[in-house]
Structure formats: structure tokens, C-alpha cells
PDB file of N, CA and C in Angstrom:
ATOM      1  N   UNK A   1       0.547  -1.041   0.193  1.00  0.00           N
ATOM      2  CA  UNK A   1       0.309   0.035  -0.079  1.00  0.00           C
ATOM      3  C   UNK A   1       0.924   1.284   0.135  1.00  0.00           C
ATOM      4  N   UNK A   2       0.527   2.277  -0.297  1.00  0.00           N
ATOM      5  CA  UNK A   2       0.891   4.151  -0.950  1.00  0.00           C
ATOM      6  C   UNK A   2       0.379   4.650  -0.080  1.00  0.00           C
ATOM      7  N   UNK A   3       0.987   4.734   1.465  1.00  0.00           N
ATOM      8  CA  UNK A   3       0.748   5.892   2.446  1.00  0.00           C
ATOM      9  C   UNK A   3       1.500   7.530   2.039  1.00  0.00           C
ATOM     10  N   UNK A   4       0.677   8.487   1.662  1.00  0.00           N
ATOM     11  CA  UNK A   4       1.275   9.608   1.477  1.00  0.00           C
ATOM     12  C   UNK A   4       1.541  10.303   2.555  1.00  0.00           C
ATOM     13  N   UNK A   5       2.744  10.810   3.026  1.00  0.00           N
ATOM     14  CA  UNK A   5       2.892  12.143   3.750  1.00  0.00           C
ATOM     15  C   UNK A   5       3.655  13.307   3.398  1.00  0.00           C
ATOM     16  N   UNK A   6       3.247  14.054   4.079  1.00  0.00           N
ATOM     17  CA  UNK A   6       4.459  15.220   3.673  1.00  0.00           C
ATOM     18  C   UNK A   6       5.427  15.895   5.374  1.00  0.00           C
ATOM     19  N   UNK A   7       6.384  16.815   4.719  1.00  0.00           N
ATOM     20  CA  UNK A   7       7.107  17.870   6.213  1.00  0.00           C
ATOM     21  C   UNK A   7       8.235  18.245   5.600  1.00  0.00           C
ATOM     22  N   UNK A   8       7.837  19.525   6.280  1.00  0.00           N
ATOM     23  CA  UNK A   8       8.239  20.829   5.660  1.00  0.00           C
ATOM     24  C   UNK A   8      10.055  21.247   6.892  1.00  0.00           C
ATOM     25  N   UNK A   9      10.479  21.901   6.241  1.00  0.00           N
ATOM     26  CA  UNK A   9      12.064  22.298   6.739  1.00  0.00           C
ATOM     27  C   UNK A   9      11.517  23.859   6.979  1.00  0.00           C
ATOM     28  N   UNK A  10      11.157  24.212   8.465  1.00  0.00           N
ATOM     29  CA  UNK A  10      11.070  25.946   8.884  1.00  0.00           C
ATOM     30  C   UNK A  10      12.288  26.241   8.563  1.00  0.00           C
ATOM     31  N   UNK A  11      12.591  27.649   8.655  1.00  0.00           N
ATOM     32  CA  UNK A  11      13.214  28.836   8.639  1.00  0.00           C
ATOM     33  C   UNK A  11      14.546  28.443   9.330  1.00  0.00           C
ATOM     34  N   UNK A  12      14.037  28.099  10.831  1.00  0.00           N
ATOM     35  CA  UNK A  12      15.241  27.765  11.519  1.00  0.00           C
ATOM     36  C   UNK A  12      16.165  26.788  11.245  1.00  0.00           C
ATOM     37  N   UNK A  13      15.826  26.117  10.302  1.00  0.00           N
ATOM     38  CA  UNK A  13      16.604  24.666   9.771  1.00  0.00           C
ATOM     39  C   UNK A  13      15.414  23.440  10.476  1.00  0.00           C
ATOM     40  N   UNK A  14      14.670  23.332  11.336  1.00  0.00           N
ATOM     41  CA  UNK A  14      14.423  22.126  12.380  1.00  0.00           C
ATOM     42  C   UNK A  14      13.078  21.721  11.341  1.00  0.00           C
ATOM     43  N   UNK A  15      13.022  20.105  11.015  1.00  0.00           N
ATOM     44  CA  UNK A  15      11.860  19.412  10.661  1.00  0.00           C
ATOM     45  C   UNK A  15      10.516  20.078  11.061  1.00  0.00           C
ATOM     46  N   UNK A  16      10.026  20.300  10.249  1.00  0.00           N
ATOM     47  CA  UNK A  16       8.313  20.929  11.501  1.00  0.00           C
ATOM     48  C   UNK A  16       7.949  19.395  11.273  1.00  0.00           C
ATOM     49  N   UNK A  17       6.436  19.191  11.973  1.00  0.00           N
ATOM     50  CA  UNK A  17       5.415  17.435  12.384  1.00  0.00           C
ATOM     51  C   UNK A  17       5.291  17.200  10.802  1.00  0.00           C
ATOM     52  N   UNK A  18       5.210  16.045  10.620  1.00  0.00           N
ATOM     53  CA  UNK A  18       4.366  15.288   9.641  1.00  0.00           C
ATOM     54  C   UNK A  18       3.140  15.828   9.441  1.00  0.00           C
ATOM     55  N   UNK A  19       2.418  15.725   8.122  1.00  0.00           N
ATOM     56  CA  UNK A  19       1.266  15.609   7.863  1.00  0.00           C
ATOM     57  C   UNK A  19       0.787  14.279   6.901  1.00  0.00           C
ATOM     58  N   UNK A  20       0.319  12.911   8.333  1.00  0.00           N
ATOM     59  CA  UNK A  20       0.306  12.068   7.335  1.00  0.00           C
ATOM     60  C   UNK A  20      -1.229  11.991   6.492  1.00  0.00           C
ATOM     61  N   UNK A  21      -1.710  11.842   5.014  1.00  0.00           N
ATOM     62  CA  UNK A  21      -2.694  11.436   5.007  1.00  0.00           C
ATOM     63  C   UNK A  21      -3.319   9.950   5.863  1.00  0.00           C
ATOM     64  N   UNK A  22      -5.219  10.121   5.951  1.00  0.00           N
ATOM     65  CA  UNK A  22      -5.217   9.166   6.925  1.00  0.00           C
ATOM     66  C   UNK A  22      -5.534   8.085   5.269  1.00  0.00           C
ATOM     67  N   UNK A  23      -5.668   8.013   4.424  1.00  0.00           N
ATOM     68  CA  UNK A  23      -6.502   7.317   3.139  1.00  0.00           C
ATOM     69  C   UNK A  23      -5.455   6.196   2.832  1.00  0.00           C
ATOM     70  N   UNK A  24      -5.666   5.082   3.205  1.00  0.00           N
ATOM     71  CA  UNK A  24      -3.831   4.096   2.062  1.00  0.00           C
ATOM     72  C   UNK A  24      -4.560   3.971   0.958  1.00  0.00           C
ATOM     73  N   UNK A  25      -3.707   3.842  -0.035  1.00  0.00           N
ATOM     74  CA  UNK A  25      -4.213   3.532  -2.249  1.00  0.00           C
ATOM     75  C   UNK A  25      -3.452   2.416  -1.559  1.00  0.00           C
ATOM     76  N   UNK A  26      -4.152   1.191  -1.746  1.00  0.00           N
ATOM     77  CA  UNK A  26      -3.931  -0.143  -2.303  1.00  0.00           C
ATOM     78  C   UNK A  26      -4.198  -0.666  -3.600  1.00  0.00           C
ATOM     79  N   UNK A  27      -3.372  -1.320  -4.439  1.00  0.00           N
ATOM     80  CA  UNK A  27      -3.555  -1.655  -5.112  1.00  0.00           C
ATOM     81  C   UNK A  27      -3.955  -2.730  -5.625  1.00  0.00           C
ATOM     82  N   UNK A  28      -5.178  -3.298  -6.033  1.00  0.00           N
ATOM     83  CA  UNK A  28      -5.895  -4.487  -6.977  1.00  0.00           C
ATOM     84  C   UNK A  28      -5.125  -5.460  -6.379  1.00  0.00           C
ATOM     85  N   UNK A  29      -5.145  -6.800  -5.983  1.00  0.00           N
ATOM     86  CA  UNK A  29      -3.788  -7.625  -6.296  1.00  0.00           C
ATOM     87  C   UNK A  29      -4.391  -8.125  -7.468  1.00  0.00           C
ATOM     88  N   UNK A  30      -3.138  -8.470  -7.891  1.00  0.00           N
ATOM     89  CA  UNK A  30      -3.177  -9.052  -9.367  1.00  0.00           C
ATOM     90  C   UNK A  30      -3.848 -10.622  -9.500  1.00  0.00           C
ATOM     91  N   UNK A  31      -4.376 -10.665 -10.943  1.00  0.00           N
ATOM     92  CA  UNK A  31      -5.253 -11.437 -11.380  1.00  0.00           C
ATOM     93  C   UNK A  31      -3.733 -12.741 -12.252  1.00  0.00           C
ATOM     94  N   UNK A  32      -3.465 -12.942 -11.564  1.00  0.00           N
ATOM     95  CA  UNK A  32      -3.068 -14.462 -12.011  1.00  0.00           C
ATOM     96  C   UNK A  32      -3.424 -15.605 -13.185  1.00  0.00           C
ATOM     97  N   UNK A  33      -3.999 -16.420 -12.353  1.00  0.00           N
ATOM     98  CA  UNK A  33      -5.509 -17.368 -12.671  1.00  0.00           C
ATOM     99  C   UNK A  33      -5.920 -15.926 -14.381  1.00  0.00           C
ATOM    100  N   UNK A  34      -6.240 -15.382 -14.567  1.00  0.00           N
ATOM    101  CA  UNK A  34      -6.860 -14.847 -15.696  1.00  0.00           C
ATOM    102  C   UNK A  34      -5.627 -14.480 -16.454  1.00  0.00           C
ATOM    103  N   UNK A  35      -4.754 -13.750 -15.737  1.00  0.00           N
ATOM    104  CA  UNK A  35      -3.540 -14.205 -17.606  1.00  0.00           C
ATOM    105  C   UNK A  35      -3.456 -15.191 -17.754  1.00  0.00           C
ATOM    106  N   UNK A  36      -3.464 -15.906 -16.874  1.00  0.00           N
ATOM    107  CA  UNK A  36      -2.864 -17.467 -17.165  1.00  0.00           C
ATOM    108  C   UNK A  36      -3.891 -18.068 -18.247  1.00  0.00           C
ATOM    109  N   UNK A  37      -5.188 -17.716 -17.848  1.00  0.00           N
ATOM    110  CA  UNK A  37      -5.989 -18.186 -19.425  1.00  0.00           C
ATOM    111  C   UNK A  37      -5.984 -17.646 -20.209  1.00  0.00           C
ATOM    112  N   UNK A  38      -5.755 -16.488 -20.950  1.00  0.00           N
ATOM    113  CA  UNK A  38      -6.011 -15.299 -21.404  1.00  0.00           C
ATOM    114  C   UNK A  38      -4.753 -15.825 -22.107  1.00  0.00           C
ATOM    115  N   UNK A  39      -3.582 -16.357 -22.159  1.00  0.00           N
ATOM    116  CA  UNK A  39      -2.716 -16.656 -22.271  1.00  0.00           C
ATOM    117  C   UNK A  39      -3.395 -17.876 -23.089  1.00  0.00           C
ATOM    118  N   UNK A  40      -3.407 -18.885 -22.453  1.00  0.00           N
ATOM    119  CA  UNK A  40      -3.937 -20.086 -23.375  1.00  0.00           C
ATOM    120  C   UNK A  40      -5.221 -19.799 -24.257  1.00  0.00           C
ATOM    121  N   UNK A  41      -5.938 -18.984 -23.968  1.00  0.00           N
ATOM    122  CA  UNK A  41      -6.935 -19.093 -25.395  1.00  0.00           C
ATOM    123  C   UNK A  41      -6.435 -17.780 -26.692  1.00  0.00           C
ATOM    124  N   UNK A  42      -5.130 -17.608 -26.125  1.00  0.00           N
ATOM    125  CA  UNK A  42      -4.367 -16.644 -27.574  1.00  0.00           C
ATOM    126  C   UNK A  42      -4.041 -17.236 -27.576  1.00  0.00           C
ATOM    127  N   UNK A  43      -3.248 -18.093 -27.269  1.00  0.00           N
ATOM    128  CA  UNK A  43      -2.757 -19.766 -28.373  1.00  0.00           C
ATOM    129  C   UNK A  43      -3.079 -20.208 -29.287  1.00  0.00           C
ATOM    130  N   UNK A  44      -4.712 -21.168 -28.148  1.00  0.00           N
ATOM    131  CA  UNK A  44      -5.518 -22.005 -28.883  1.00  0.00           C
ATOM    132  C   UNK A  44      -5.632 -21.055 -30.210  1.00  0.00           C
ATOM    133  N   UNK A  45      -6.026 -19.478 -30.392  1.00  0.00           N
ATOM    134  CA  UNK A  45      -6.971 -19.226 -31.695  1.00  0.00           C
ATOM    135  C   UNK A  45      -5.576 -18.517 -32.666  1.00  0.00           C
ATOM    136  N   UNK A  46      -4.292 -18.513 -32.100  1.00  0.00           N
ATOM    137  CA  UNK A  46      -3.121 -18.247 -32.983  1.00  0.00           C
ATOM    138  C   UNK A  46      -3.491 -20.076 -33.581  1.00  0.00           C
ATOM    139  N   UNK A  47      -2.863 -20.669 -32.773  1.00  0.00           N
ATOM    140  CA  UNK A  47      -3.190 -21.964 -34.007  1.00  0.00           C
ATOM    141  C   UNK A  47      -4.337 -22.351 -34.477  1.00  0.00           C
ATOM    142  N   UNK A  48      -5.524 -21.778 -33.913  1.00  0.00           N
ATOM    143  CA  UNK A  48      -6.810 -22.745 -34.733  1.00  0.00           C
ATOM    144  C   UNK A  48      -6.305 -21.835 -36.129  1.00  0.00           C
ATOM    145  N   UNK A  49      -5.998 -19.928 -35.804  1.00  0.00           N
ATOM    146  CA  UNK A  49      -5.801 -19.485 -37.323  1.00  0.00           C
ATOM    147  C   UNK A  49      -5.339 -19.911 -38.099  1.00  0.00           C
ATOM    148  N   UNK A  50      -4.134 -20.466 -37.706  1.00  0.00           N
ATOM    149  CA  UNK A  50      -3.106 -20.746 -38.428  1.00  0.00           C
ATOM    150  C   UNK A  50      -3.265 -21.654 -39.220  1.00  0.00           C
ATOM    151  N   UNK A  51      -3.829 -23.110 -38.138  1.00  0.00           N
ATOM    152  CA  UNK A  51      -4.295 -24.261 -39.146  1.00  0.00           C
ATOM    153  C   UNK A  51      -5.740 -23.444 -40.372  1.00  0.00           C
ATOM    154  N   UNK A  52      -6.535 -23.280 -40.010  1.00  0.00           N
ATOM    155  CA  UNK A  52      -7.586 -22.745 -40.988  1.00  0.00           C
ATOM    156  C   UNK A  52      -6.669 -21.935 -42.110  1.00  0.00           C
ATOM    157  N   UNK A  53      -6.151 -21.284 -41.998  1.00  0.00           N
ATOM    158  CA  UNK A  53      -4.863 -20.342 -43.265  1.00  0.00           C
ATOM    159  C   UNK A  53      -4.434 -21.311 -43.595  1.00  0.00           C
ATOM    160  N   UNK A  54      -3.490 -22.452 -43.179  1.00  0.00           N
ATOM    161  CA  UNK A  54      -2.493 -23.715 -44.025  1.00  0.00           C
ATOM    162  C   UNK A  54      -3.590 -24.388 -44.473  1.00  0.00           C
ATOM    163  N   UNK A  55      -4.829 -24.710 -44.416  1.00  0.00           N
ATOM    164  CA  UNK A  55      -6.165 -25.614 -44.767  1.00  0.00           C
ATOM    165  C   UNK A  55      -6.184 -24.801 -45.979  1.00  0.00           C
ATOM    166  N   UNK A  56      -6.885 -23.558 -45.840  1.00  0.00           N
ATOM    167  CA  UNK A  56      -7.029 -22.375 -47.066  1.00  0.00           C
ATOM    168  C   UNK A  56      -6.383 -22.819 -48.391  1.00  0.00           C
ATOM    169  N   UNK A  57      -4.455 -22.817 -47.625  1.00  0.00           N
ATOM    170  CA  UNK A  57      -3.608 -22.502 -49.175  1.00  0.00           C
ATOM    171  C   UNK A  57      -3.808 -24.238 -49.229  1.00  0.00           C
ATOM    172  N   UNK A  58      -3.802 -24.903 -48.531  1.00  0.00           N
ATOM    173  CA  UNK A  58      -3.446 -26.348 -49.312  1.00  0.00           C
ATOM    174  C   UNK A  58      -4.499 -26.498 -50.736  1.00  0.00           C
ATOM    175  N   UNK A  59      -5.566 -26.249 -50.379  1.00  0.00           N
ATOM    176  CA  UNK A  59      -6.937 -26.142 -51.055  1.00  0.00           C
ATOM    177  C   UNK A  59      -6.961 -25.822 -52.033  1.00  0.00           C
ATOM    178  N   UNK A  60      -5.939 -24.300 -51.991  1.00  0.00           N
ATOM    179  CA  UNK A  60      -6.850 -23.452 -53.164  1.00  0.00           C
ATOM    180  C   UNK A  60      -5.161 -23.830 -53.740  1.00  0.00           C
ATOM    181  N   UNK A  61      -4.244 -24.991 -53.432  1.00  0.00           N
ATOM    182  CA  UNK A  61      -3.385 -25.072 -54.015  1.00  0.00           C
ATOM    183  C   UNK A  61      -3.856 -27.271 -55.448  1.00  0.00           C
ATOM    184  N   UNK A  62      -4.429 -27.845 -53.954  1.00  0.00           N
ATOM    185  CA  UNK A  62      -4.945 -29.088 -54.214  1.00  0.00           C
ATOM    186  C   UNK A  62      -6.629 -28.578 -56.148  1.00  0.00           C
ATOM    187  N   UNK A  63      -6.694 -27.556 -56.024  1.00  0.00           N
ATOM    188  CA  UNK A  63      -8.316 -26.606 -56.344  1.00  0.00           C
ATOM    189  C   UNK A  63      -6.813 -26.396 -58.388  1.00  0.00           C
ATOM    190  N   UNK A  64      -5.798 -25.898 -57.273  1.00  0.00           N
ATOM    191  CA  UNK A  64      -5.290 -24.904 -58.924  1.00  0.00           C
ATOM    192  C   UNK A  64      -4.540 -27.065 -59.619  1.00  0.00           C
ATOM    193  N   UNK A  65      -4.079 -27.928 -59.000  1.00  0.00           N
ATOM    194  CA  UNK A  65      -3.504 -28.809 -59.485  1.00  0.00           C
ATOM    195  C   UNK A  65      -4.364 -29.568 -60.449  1.00  0.00           C
ATOM    196  N   UNK A  66      -5.875 -29.803 -59.374  1.00  0.00           N
ATOM    197  CA  UNK A  66      -7.132 -30.434 -59.705  1.00  0.00           C
ATOM    198  C   UNK A  66      -7.059 -29.906 -61.478  1.00  0.00           C
ATOM    199  N   UNK A  67      -7.365 -28.108 -61.987  1.00  0.00           N
ATOM    200  CA  UNK A  67      -7.357 -27.937 -62.445  1.00  0.00           C
ATOM    201  C   UNK A  67      -6.645 -28.052 -63.698  1.00  0.00           C
ATOM    202  N   UNK A  68      -5.468 -27.778 -63.128  1.00  0.00           N
ATOM    203  CA  UNK A  68      -4.714 -28.348 -64.553  1.00  0.00           C
ATOM    204  C   UNK A  68      -4.191 -29.725 -64.724  1.00  0.00           C
ATOM    205  N   UNK A  69      -4.686 -30.606 -64.239  1.00  0.00           N
ATOM    206  CA  UNK A  69      -4.710 -32.039 -64.332  1.00  0.00           C
ATOM    207  C   UNK A  69      -5.499 -32.673 -65.139  1.00  0.00           C
ATOM    208  N   UNK A  70      -6.950 -31.386 -65.130  1.00  0.00           N
ATOM    209  CA  UNK A  70      -8.262 -31.717 -65.908  1.00  0.00           C
ATOM    210  C   UNK A  70      -8.111 -31.425 -66.905  1.00  0.00           C
ATOM    211  N   UNK A  71      -7.307 -29.966 -67.032  1.00  0.00           N
ATOM    212  CA  UNK A  71      -6.751 -28.974 -68.505  1.00  0.00           C
ATOM    213  C   UNK A  71      -6.469 -30.212 -69.762  1.00  0.00           C
ATOM    214  N   UNK A  72      -5.441 -31.716 -68.820  1.00  0.00           N
ATOM    215  CA  UNK A  72      -4.356 -32.309 -69.502  1.00  0.00           C
ATOM    216  C   UNK A  72      -4.973 -33.530 -69.292  1.00  0.00           C
ATOM    217  N   UNK A  73      -6.092 -33.608 -69.398  1.00  0.00           N
ATOM    218  CA  UNK A  73      -6.663 -34.449 -69.224  1.00  0.00           C
ATOM    219  C   UNK A  73      -7.987 -34.735 -70.965  1.00  0.00           C
ATOM    220  N   UNK A  74      -7.965 -33.205 -71.039  1.00  0.00           N
ATOM    221  CA  UNK A  74      -8.931 -33.059 -72.308  1.00  0.00           C
ATOM    222  C   UNK A  74      -8.595 -32.929 -73.016  1.00  0.00           C
ATOM    223  N   UNK A  75      -6.706 -32.494 -73.245  1.00  0.00           N
ATOM    224  CA  UNK A  75      -5.660 -32.493 -74.610  1.00  0.00           C
ATOM    225  C   UNK A  75      -5.048 -33.371 -74.734  1.00  0.00           C
ATOM    226  N   UNK A  76      -4.989 -34.861 -73.589  1.00  0.00           N
ATOM    227  CA  UNK A  76      -4.537 -35.746 -74.251  1.00  0.00           C
ATOM    228  C   UNK A  76      -4.221 -36.051 -75.818  1.00  0.00           C
ATOM    229  N   UNK A  77      -3.525 -36.684 -76.094  1.00  0.00           N
ATOM    230  CA  UNK A  77      -3.198 -37.131 -77.726  1.00  0.00           C
ATOM    231  C   UNK A  77      -3.913 -38.755 -77.736  1.00  0.00           C
ATOM    232  N   UNK A  78      -3.255 -39.518 -77.155  1.00  0.00           N
ATOM    233  CA  UNK A  78      -4.317 -40.961 -77.243  1.00  0.00           C
ATOM    234  C   UNK A  78      -5.759 -40.956 -76.610  1.00  0.00           C
ATOM    235  N   UNK A  79      -6.460 -41.343 -77.570  1.00  0.00           N
ATOM    236  CA  UNK A  79      -7.420 -42.428 -76.764  1.00  0.00           C
ATOM    237  C   UNK A  79      -7.257 -43.312 -74.985  1.00  0.00           C
ATOM    238  N   UNK A  80      -8.463 -43.802 -74.357  1.00  0.00           N
ATOM    239  CA  UNK A  80      -8.638 -43.917 -73.827  1.00  0.00           C
ATOM    240  C   UNK A  80      -8.270 -45.586 -73.873  1.00  0.00           C
ATOM    241  N   UNK A  81      -8.575 -45.766 -74.611  1.00  0.00           N
ATOM    242  CA  UNK A  81      -8.529 -47.392 -75.357  1.00  0.00           C
ATOM    243  C   UNK A  81      -7.313 -47.267 -75.557  1.00  0.00           C
ATOM    244  N   UNK A  82      -6.416 -46.554 -76.114  1.00  0.00           N
ATOM    245  CA  UNK A  82      -4.960 -47.198 -76.847  1.00  0.00           C
ATOM    246  C   UNK A  82      -4.361 -46.466 -75.784  1.00  0.00           C
ATOM    247  N   UNK A  83      -3.712 -46.343 -74.875  1.00  0.00           N
ATOM    248  CA  UNK A  83      -2.632 -45.563 -73.688  1.00  0.00           C
ATOM    249  C   UNK A  83      -1.222 -46.301 -74.038  1.00  0.00           C
ATOM    250  N   UNK A  84      -0.693 -45.447 -74.577  1.00  0.00           N
ATOM    251  CA  UNK A  84       0.536 -45.891 -74.685  1.00  0.00           C
ATOM    252  C   UNK A  84       1.659 -46.735 -73.566  1.00  0.00           C
ATOM    253  N   UNK A  85       1.326 -46.510 -72.601  1.00  0.00           N
ATOM    254  CA  UNK A  85       1.467 -46.643 -71.240  1.00  0.00           C
ATOM    255  C   UNK A  85       0.774 -48.557 -70.134  1.00  0.00           C
ATOM    256  N   UNK A  86       0.224 -48.379 -70.798  1.00  0.00           N
ATOM    257  CA  UNK A  86      -0.989 -49.520 -70.757  1.00  0.00           C
ATOM    258  C   UNK A  86      -0.503 -51.055 -70.872  1.00  0.00           C
ATOM    259  N   UNK A  87      -0.197 -51.731 -70.372  1.00  0.00           N
ATOM    260  CA  UNK A  87       0.188 -53.263 -70.954  1.00  0.00           C
ATOM    261  C   UNK A  87      -0.867 -54.066 -69.993  1.00  0.00           C
ATOM    262  N   UNK A  88      -1.351 -55.013 -70.404  1.00  0.00           N
ATOM    263  CA  UNK A  88      -2.412 -56.002 -70.471  1.00  0.00           C
ATOM    264  C   UNK A  88      -1.936 -57.073 -69.365  1.00  0.00           C
ATOM    265  N   UNK A  89      -2.439 -57.121 -68.701  1.00  0.00           N
ATOM    266  CA  UNK A  89      -1.720 -57.753 -67.139  1.00  0.00           C
ATOM    267  C   UNK A  89      -1.508 -59.357 -67.356  1.00  0.00           C
ATOM    268  N   UNK A  90      -2.699 -59.846 -68.460  1.00  0.00           N
ATOM    269  CA  UNK A  90      -2.806 -60.825 -68.577  1.00  0.00           C
ATOM    270  C   UNK A  90      -1.790 -61.400 -69.776  1.00  0.00           C
ATOM    271  N   UNK A  91      -1.132 -62.706 -69.308  1.00  0.00           N
ATOM    272  CA  UNK A  91      -0.331 -63.126 -71.071  1.00  0.00           C
ATOM    273  C   UNK A  91       0.024 -64.735 -70.845  1.00  0.00           C
ATOM    274  N   UNK A  92      -0.373 -64.647 -72.232  1.00  0.00           N
ATOM    275  CA  UNK A  92      -0.324 -66.971 -71.953  1.00  0.00           C
ATOM    276  C   UNK A  92       1.694 -67.114 -72.281  1.00  0.00           C
ATOM    277  N   UNK A  93       1.364 -67.423 -71.203  1.00  0.00           N
ATOM    278  CA  UNK A  93       2.650 -68.735 -71.067  1.00  0.00           C
ATOM    279  C   UNK A  93       2.703 -69.742 -71.966  1.00  0.00           C
ATOM    280  N   UNK A  94       3.535 -70.769 -72.171  1.00  0.00           N
ATOM    281  CA  UNK A  94       3.996 -72.252 -72.672  1.00  0.00           C
ATOM    282  C   UNK A  94       4.253 -73.494 -72.194  1.00  0.00           C
ATOM    283  N   UNK A  95       4.339 -73.896 -70.990  1.00  0.00           N
ATOM    284  CA  UNK A  95       5.616 -74.008 -70.462  1.00  0.00           C
ATOM    285  C   UNK A  95       5.212 -76.010 -71.778  1.00  0.00           C
ATOM    286  N   UNK A  96       6.850 -75.883 -72.208  1.00  0.00           N
ATOM    287  CA  UNK A  96       6.801 -77.122 -73.105  1.00  0.00           C
ATOM    288  C   UNK A  96       6.684 -78.263 -72.280  1.00  0.00           C
ATOM    289  N   UNK A  97       6.793 -78.351 -71.226  1.00  0.00           N
ATOM    290  CA  UNK A  97       7.124 -79.844 -70.657  1.00  0.00           C
ATOM    291  C   UNK A  97       6.411 -80.465 -69.970  1.00  0.00           C
ATOM    292  N   UNK A  98       4.862 -79.605 -70.091  1.00  0.00           N
ATOM    293  CA  UNK A  98       3.588 -79.616 -69.994  1.00  0.00           C
ATOM    294  C   UNK A  98       3.217 -80.720 -71.245  1.00  0.00           C
ATOM    295  N   UNK A  99       2.315 -81.475 -70.659  1.00  0.00           N
ATOM    296  CA  UNK A  99       2.505 -83.124 -71.421  1.00  0.00           C
ATOM    297  C   UNK A  99       0.181 -82.700 -72.253  1.00  0.00           C
ATOM    298  N   UNK A 100      -0.311 -81.718 -71.230  1.00  0.00           N
ATOM    299  CA  UNK A 100      -1.674 -81.809 -71.766  1.00  0.00           C
ATOM    300  C   UNK A 100      -1.974 -80.126 -71.526  1.00  0.00           C
ATOM    301  N   UNK A 101      -3.326 -80.384 -71.990  1.00  0.00           N
ATOM    302  CA  UNK A 101      -3.704 -79.201 -72.739  1.00  0.00           C
ATOM    303  C   UNK A 101      -3.089 -78.443 -73.920  1.00  0.00           C
ATOM    304  N   UNK A 102      -3.358 -77.631 -73.642  1.00  0.00           N
ATOM    305  CA  UNK A 102      -2.879 -76.574 -74.429  1.00  0.00           C
ATOM    306  C   UNK A 102      -1.632 -76.422 -74.789  1.00  0.00           C
ATOM    307  N   UNK A 103      -0.789 -76.048 -76.060  1.00  0.00           N
ATOM    308  CA  UNK A 103       0.825 -76.095 -76.446  1.00  0.00           C
ATOM    309  C   UNK A 103       1.241 -76.985 -76.016  1.00  0.00           C
ATOM    310  N   UNK A 104       0.852 -78.570 -75.610  1.00  0.00           N
ATOM    311  CA  UNK A 104       1.943 -79.316 -75.119  1.00  0.00           C
ATOM    312  C   UNK A 104       2.261 -80.184 -76.423  1.00  0.00           C
ATOM    313  N   UNK A 105       2.801 -81.148 -75.687  1.00  0.00           N
ATOM    314  CA  UNK A 105       2.972 -82.069 -76.911  1.00  0.00           C
ATOM    315  C   UNK A 105       2.122 -83.279 -77.656  1.00  0.00           C
TER     316      UNK A 105
END
């Protein structure tokens, strides 16, 4: 608490009696709980905003790449039935040692 007082030095160099103010000025105690909760909420909302910004950026980037992909699909040179990179997964192998069935002796 703060206590205010006044003192004066007289003409003869002596200190005159003190005048002390009756009312004390005491500051309110600091609320640490409110500060802690405020910091936690601030960090939470900053993180939430950062996640939303990241999600928006990745969404826009993915949308751009999808549009580029669809544009490339529309301008492809070959038909969908004759893809030059496609190989038929089924093949016929003839075992010369097998005696029964097709391809044998």
C-alpha cells in the first residue's frame, strides 16, 4: 500500500511535524489466473487461425493442380482405349514340359 505524507523544513532548519494522509491507496491484487487463461486462449486461437490459413492454402493449391490435371486430360493425344503406357496384365505362357492341354506335345 502507498501512504502519502508531507514534511517541511522551517526557517530555522528544524523539521516541522509530518502531515500524514489518513487514506491508504492499495492496488488491487494481480489476477494471475485471468492472465494464464488469457494466454492459453490466445495461443489456442493463434494456432486455430494458423491451421485455417494452412487448410485454405492447401485447398487452393489442390484445386489449381486438379484444374491443371483436368486440362491435361482434355488435351491428351491418345484415346483412353489405347494408352501407350498400359500393358495388358494377362499373358499366356506355354510350358514346353507340360504334356496335357494346349501348347503341349
